[in-house]
Amino acid sequence: MTDREMTEIVEKNLERMTGHGEGYMRPLVLNESMGGNAGNWQDIPCAAANFYYVLETGEIVYFGNCQRVPDEIKEKLPQGTFRIAVDTKRTGKLRIIGTGLDRITLAAEETLEASVEEFNKRHGFDTEPA
């Protein structure tokens, strides 16, 4: 995959992470229970966001819990999970602090890491106290 292709996929992933509606990360996270199975990070409650991605490229196709994901997506694509801290006390912003993946290729790993880094840089809360 070229740098240009990776950049295009990272931008698509960012749209999938920040957009609104069914299949997007932000509304999924804000409707999840926080602090349960995902625990806390630096006293900040966390939620988990499951997603489905293209194994060869790391392009995120859909965010959702398995019972709400269209069958054609969950039957074809591997699943990943972001662990996301939600700064409910200060900014209301999110910060991705961990990733779990069913399967991975080098290209997908690089793209997903770049997507997380870019999301946290553009949209995440600062890790230093205000």
Protein backbone atom coordinates (compact mmCIF):
# COMPACT_ATOMS: atom_id res chain seq x y z
CA MET A 1 0.00 0.00 0.00
CA THR A 2 1.33 3.43 -0.89
CA ASP A 3 1.55 6.33 1.58
CA ARG A 4 -1.22 8.08 -0.36
CA GLU A 5 -3.52 5.04 -0.13
CA MET A 6 -2.86 4.76 3.60
CA THR A 7 -3.58 8.47 4.11
CA GLU A 8 -6.89 8.10 2.25
CA ILE A 9 -7.89 5.13 4.40
CA VAL A 10 -6.91 6.94 7.61
CA GLU A 11 -9.18 9.84 6.57
CA LYS A 12 -12.04 7.40 5.88
CA ASN A 13 -11.44 5.81 9.28
CA LEU A 14 -11.53 9.22 10.96
CA GLU A 15 -14.89 9.91 9.33
CA ARG A 16 -16.16 6.55 10.58
CA MET A 17 -14.84 7.39 14.07
CA THR A 18 -16.31 10.91 14.29
CA GLY A 19 -19.46 10.73 12.18
CA HIS A 20 -23.00 10.33 13.42
CA GLY A 21 -25.51 7.59 12.87
CA GLU A 22 -25.64 3.83 12.64
CA GLY A 23 -22.24 2.22 12.14
CA TYR A 24 -20.17 5.10 13.51
CA MET A 25 -17.98 5.10 16.64
CA ARG A 26 -19.02 8.24 18.51
CA PRO A 27 -22.74 7.42 18.90
CA LEU A 28 -21.87 3.82 19.78
CA VAL A 29 -19.51 4.88 22.57
CA LEU A 30 -21.87 7.48 23.99
CA ASN A 31 -24.61 4.82 24.26
CA GLU A 32 -22.37 2.23 25.95
CA SER A 33 -22.10 1.75 29.69
CA MET A 34 -18.84 3.21 30.91
CA GLY A 35 -16.49 1.82 33.49
CA GLY A 36 -17.95 -1.71 33.38
CA ASN A 37 -15.95 -4.34 31.51
CA ALA A 38 -13.77 -1.62 29.94
CA GLY A 39 -12.80 -0.33 33.40
CA ASN A 40 -11.14 3.01 34.07
CA TRP A 41 -7.97 4.69 32.84
CA GLN A 42 -6.33 7.34 35.07
CA ASP A 43 -9.66 7.61 36.97
CA ILE A 44 -11.50 8.22 33.69
CA PRO A 45 -14.29 5.77 32.78
CA CYS A 46 -13.82 3.71 29.64
CA ALA A 47 -16.11 2.11 27.09
CA ALA A 48 -15.45 -0.44 24.38
CA ALA A 49 -16.27 0.11 20.71
CA ASN A 50 -16.37 -2.96 18.47
CA PHE A 51 -15.62 -2.47 14.79
CA TYR A 52 -15.22 -4.47 11.60
CA TYR A 53 -12.33 -3.80 9.24
CA VAL A 54 -10.75 -4.85 5.96
CA LEU A 55 -7.92 -7.22 6.85
CA GLU A 56 -5.68 -6.21 3.95
CA THR A 57 -5.85 -2.44 4.50
CA GLY A 58 -7.17 -1.61 7.97
CA GLU A 59 -10.13 0.34 6.61
CA ILE A 60 -12.88 0.43 9.24
CA VAL A 61 -16.21 -0.47 7.67
CA TYR A 62 -18.63 -0.46 10.61
CA PHE A 63 -18.82 0.15 14.36
CA GLY A 64 -21.38 -1.77 16.37
CA ASN A 65 -22.17 -4.58 18.74
CA CYS A 66 -22.53 -7.90 16.94
CA GLN A 67 -26.32 -8.12 17.34
CA ARG A 68 -26.73 -4.83 15.43
CA VAL A 69 -24.13 -5.33 12.72
CA PRO A 70 -25.45 -6.39 9.30
CA ASP A 71 -24.77 -10.09 8.66
CA GLU A 72 -22.90 -9.42 5.41
CA ILE A 73 -20.35 -7.36 7.38
CA LYS A 74 -19.83 -9.58 10.41
CA GLU A 75 -19.65 -12.75 8.29
CA LYS A 76 -16.93 -11.35 5.97
CA LEU A 77 -14.76 -9.07 8.07
CA PRO A 78 -12.61 -9.51 11.18
CA GLN A 79 -13.61 -7.66 14.35
CA GLY A 80 -11.58 -5.27 16.43
CA THR A 81 -12.22 -3.35 19.62
CA PHE A 82 -11.07 0.06 20.74
CA ARG A 83 -10.86 0.76 24.47
CA ILE A 84 -11.88 4.39 24.80
CA ALA A 85 -11.56 6.72 27.77
CA VAL A 86 -14.41 9.24 28.00
CA ASP A 87 -13.51 12.48 29.79
CA THR A 88 -16.93 13.09 31.32
CA LYS A 89 -15.69 15.50 33.99
CA ARG A 90 -13.79 18.05 31.87
CA THR A 91 -14.23 18.02 28.11
CA GLY A 92 -16.59 15.21 27.13
CA LYS A 93 -13.98 14.17 24.56
CA LEU A 94 -12.83 10.64 23.82
CA ARG A 95 -9.32 9.15 23.73
CA ILE A 96 -8.54 5.74 22.28
CA ILE A 97 -6.19 4.03 24.72
CA GLY A 98 -6.11 0.45 23.46
CA THR A 99 -6.86 -1.79 20.51
CA GLY A 100 -7.71 -5.47 20.27
CA LEU A 101 -7.90 -7.23 16.90
CA ASP A 102 -9.09 -10.67 15.78
CA ARG A 103 -6.54 -10.86 12.98
CA ILE A 104 -4.02 -8.47 11.54
CA THR A 105 -1.75 -7.84 8.59
CA LEU A 106 1.15 -5.41 8.65
CA ALA A 107 -0.72 -2.95 6.41
CA ALA A 108 -3.85 -3.09 8.57
CA GLU A 109 -1.83 -2.68 11.76
CA GLU A 110 -0.03 0.38 10.41
CA THR A 111 -3.25 1.96 9.14
CA LEU A 112 -5.17 1.36 12.37
CA GLU A 113 -2.29 2.69 14.48
CA ALA A 114 -2.11 5.81 12.29
CA SER A 115 -5.90 6.21 12.55
CA VAL A 116 -5.82 6.03 16.36
CA GLU A 117 -2.90 8.45 16.56
CA GLU A 118 -4.61 10.93 14.25
CA PHE A 119 -7.96 10.61 16.06
CA ASN A 120 -6.33 11.30 19.43
CA LYS A 121 -4.37 14.24 18.00
CA ARG A 122 -7.38 15.88 16.31
CA HIS A 123 -10.30 14.87 18.51
CA GLY A 124 -9.01 13.31 21.73
CA PHE A 125 -8.65 14.96 25.08
CA ASP A 126 -5.24 15.98 26.39
CA THR A 127 -3.72 13.50 28.83
CA GLU A 128 -2.39 16.29 31.03
CA PRO A 129 -4.72 17.83 33.62
CA ALA A 130 -6.29 21.15 32.67
